[in-house]
C-alpha atoms as a PDB file:
ATOM      1  CA  ASP A   1    -116.974-136.550 132.568  1.00  0.00           C
ATOM      2  CA  ILE A   2    -114.385-137.881 135.167  1.00  0.00           C
ATOM      3  CA  LYS A   3    -112.597-140.151 132.577  1.00  0.00           C
ATOM      4  CA  ALA A   4    -111.979-137.130 130.313  1.00  0.00           C
ATOM      5  CA  ALA A   5    -110.672-135.185 133.466  1.00  0.00           C
ATOM      6  CA  VAL A   6    -108.148-138.035 134.302  1.00  0.00           C
ATOM      7  CA  THR A   7    -107.000-138.013 130.644  1.00  0.00           C
ATOM      8  CA  TYR A   8    -106.618-134.334 130.534  1.00  0.00           C
ATOM      9  CA  PHE A   9    -104.768-134.144 134.009  1.00  0.00           C
ATOM     10  CA  GLU A  10    -102.553-136.929 132.791  1.00  0.00           C
ATOM     11  CA  GLU A  11    -101.671-135.148 129.593  1.00  0.00           C
ATOM     12  CA  LEU A  12    -100.990-131.857 131.446  1.00  0.00           C
ATOM     13  CA  MET A  13     -98.567-133.729 133.914  1.00  0.00           C
ATOM     14  CA  ALA A  14     -96.613-134.732 130.812  1.00  0.00           C
ATOM     15  CA  VAL A  15     -95.922-131.151 129.772  1.00  0.00           C
ATOM     16  CA  SER A  16     -96.190-129.009 133.062  1.00  0.00           C
ATOM     17  CA  ASN A  17     -94.915-129.132 136.563  1.00  0.00           C
ATOM     18  CA  LEU A  18     -97.443-126.769 138.074  1.00  0.00           C
ATOM     19  CA  ASP A  19     -98.288-127.824 141.676  1.00  0.00           C
ATOM     20  CA  TYR A  20    -101.994-128.096 141.240  1.00  0.00           C
ATOM     21  CA  ILE A  21    -101.885-130.537 138.465  1.00  0.00           C
ATOM     22  CA  PRO A  22    -101.065-133.730 140.528  1.00  0.00           C
ATOM     23  CA  PHE A  23    -103.591-132.688 143.241  1.00  0.00           C
ATOM     24  CA  TYR A  24    -106.378-132.396 140.769  1.00  0.00           C
ATOM     25  CA  LEU A  25    -105.292-135.511 138.992  1.00  0.00           C
ATOM     26  CA  GLY A  26    -105.305-137.339 142.394  1.00  0.00           C
ATOM     27  CA  GLN A  27    -108.819-136.089 143.041  1.00  0.00           C
ATOM     28  CA  SER A  28    -109.918-137.250 139.743  1.00  0.00           C
ATOM     29  CA  TYR A  29    -108.403-140.749 140.206  1.00  0.00           C
ATOM     30  CA  LEU A  30    -110.179-140.847 143.637  1.00  0.00           C
ATOM     31  CA  LYS A  31    -113.491-139.818 141.975  1.00  0.00           C
ATOM     32  CA  ASP A  32    -112.982-142.497 139.271  1.00  0.00           C
ATOM     33  CA  GLY A  33    -112.419-145.325 141.771  1.00  0.00           C
ATOM     34  CA  GLN A  34    -108.590-145.516 141.186  1.00  0.00           C
ATOM     35  CA  THR A  35    -107.770-145.199 144.724  1.00  0.00           C
ATOM     36  CA  GLU A  36    -104.185-146.520 144.516  1.00  0.00           C
ATOM     37  CA  GLN A  37    -103.457-144.143 141.700  1.00  0.00           C
ATOM     38  CA  ALA A  38    -104.853-141.270 143.750  1.00  0.00           C
ATOM     39  CA  LEU A  39    -102.886-142.236 146.846  1.00  0.00           C
ATOM     40  CA  LEU A  40     -99.653-142.142 144.686  1.00  0.00           C
ATOM     41  CA  GLN A  41    -100.447-138.731 143.594  1.00  0.00           C
ATOM     42  CA  PHE A  42    -101.187-137.511 147.174  1.00  0.00           C
ATOM     43  CA  ALA A  43     -98.056-139.176 148.471  1.00  0.00           C
ATOM     44  CA  SER A  44     -95.961-137.222 145.957  1.00  0.00           C
ATOM     45  CA  ILE A  45     -97.382-133.930 146.927  1.00  0.00           C
ATOM     46  CA  ILE A  46     -96.908-134.701 150.699  1.00  0.00           C
ATOM     47  CA  LYS A  47     -93.395-135.839 150.143  1.00  0.00           C
ATOM     48  CA  ASN A  48     -92.502-132.876 148.025  1.00  0.00           C
ATOM     49  CA  GLU A  49     -94.342-130.466 150.568  1.00  0.00           C
ATOM     50  CA  THR A  50     -96.061-128.470 147.689  1.00  0.00           C
ATOM     51  CA  ASP A  51     -98.611-125.735 148.450  1.00  0.00           C
ATOM     52  CA  PHE A  52    -101.274-128.564 148.341  1.00  0.00           C
ATOM     53  CA  LYS A  53     -99.689-130.664 150.979  1.00  0.00           C
ATOM     54  CA  SER A  54    -102.617-130.145 153.613  1.00  0.00           C
ATOM     55  CA  GLU A  55    -105.212-130.765 150.912  1.00  0.00           C
ATOM     56  CA  ALA A  56    -103.351-133.994 149.843  1.00  0.00           C
ATOM     57  CA  LEU A  57    -103.253-135.184 153.465  1.00  0.00           C
ATOM     58  CA  TRP A  58    -107.071-134.757 153.740  1.00  0.00           C
ATOM     59  CA  TYR A  59    -107.768-136.454 150.468  1.00  0.00           C
ATOM     60  CA  SER A  60    -105.281-139.221 151.235  1.00  0.00           C
ATOM     61  CA  ALA A  61    -107.080-139.896 154.387  1.00  0.00           C
ATOM     62  CA  LEU A  62    -110.390-140.149 152.585  1.00  0.00           C
ATOM     63  CA  ALA A  63    -108.819-142.478 150.038  1.00  0.00           C
ATOM     64  CA  TYR A  64    -107.505-144.735 152.906  1.00  0.00           C
ATOM     65  CA  LEU A  65    -110.894-144.741 154.430  1.00  0.00           C
ATOM     66  CA  LYS A  66    -112.359-145.796 151.088  1.00  0.00           C
ATOM     67  CA  LYS A  67    -109.912-148.745 151.022  1.00  0.00           C
ATOM     68  CA  GLY A  68    -110.901-149.549 154.595  1.00  0.00           C
ATOM     69  CA  ASP A  69    -107.460-148.779 156.096  1.00  0.00           C
ATOM     70  CA  THR A  70    -108.447-146.733 159.210  1.00  0.00           C
ATOM     71  CA  SER A  71    -104.940-146.882 160.521  1.00  0.00           C
ATOM     72  CA  MET A  72    -103.346-145.051 157.625  1.00  0.00           C
ATOM     73  CA  ALA A  73    -106.381-142.700 157.484  1.00  0.00           C
ATOM     74  CA  SER A  74    -105.722-141.916 161.135  1.00  0.00           C
ATOM     75  CA  GLU A  75    -102.073-141.247 160.435  1.00  0.00           C
ATOM     76  CA  GLN A  76    -102.903-138.717 157.694  1.00  0.00           C
ATOM     77  CA  LEU A  77    -105.426-136.919 159.719  1.00  0.00           C
ATOM     78  CA  GLN A  78    -102.834-136.624 162.623  1.00  0.00           C
ATOM     79  CA  LEU A  79    -100.492-135.040 160.208  1.00  0.00           C
ATOM     80  CA  LEU A  80    -102.989-132.766 158.891  1.00  0.00           C
ATOM     81  CA  ILE A  81    -103.995-131.607 162.302  1.00  0.00           C
ATOM     82  CA  LEU A  82    -100.307-130.772 163.026  1.00  0.00           C
ATOM     83  CA  GLU A  83    -100.305-128.797 159.788  1.00  0.00           C
ATOM     84  CA  GLY A  84    -103.266-126.907 161.183  1.00  0.00           C
ATOM     85  CA  ASN A  85    -104.360-124.951 158.098  1.00  0.00           C
ATOM     86  CA  TYR A  86    -106.820-126.933 156.197  1.00  0.00           C
ATOM     87  CA  LYS A  87    -109.935-128.821 157.563  1.00  0.00           C
ATOM     88  CA  LYS A  88    -108.469-129.067 160.929  1.00  0.00           C
ATOM     89  CA  ALA A  89    -111.807-129.210 162.754  1.00  0.00           C
ATOM     90  CA  GLN A  90    -113.124-131.819 160.329  1.00  0.00           C
ATOM     91  CA  ALA A  91    -109.910-133.789 160.653  1.00  0.00           C
ATOM     92  CA  GLN A  92    -110.244-133.760 164.457  1.00  0.00           C
ATOM     93  CA  GLU A  93    -113.866-134.802 164.243  1.00  0.00           C
ATOM     94  CA  LEU A  94    -113.195-137.626 161.906  1.00  0.00           C
ATOM     95  CA  LEU A  95    -110.279-138.854 163.803  1.00  0.00           C
ATOM     96  CA  LYS A  96    -112.341-138.915 166.933  1.00  0.00           C
ATOM     97  CA  ASN A  97    -114.977-141.077 165.201  1.00  0.00           C
ATOM     98  CA  LEU A  98    -112.355-143.454 164.100  1.00  0.00           C
ATOM     99  CA  ASP A  99    -111.024-144.083 167.566  1.00  0.00           C
END
């Protein structure tokens, strides 16, 4: 139940500062169709350079693609490739397909 997951992670965010909570909240928002909310969570993770930065770049790119914003998706994929530690090959392939 994705709605329950969103609620649960929102409640956890209010009482905890664990790095993984914003990441899973962002994924839950994305799955629930709340793309803008997901992007806000992923942007925060990227900005704060948490342990989930690379993953946030990947899912941020997917969220931008969902919105039809290939320019921003490409930017996120390029940053992910520079990070070089999460889904690099998939990011390169997707970026190639976007060009």
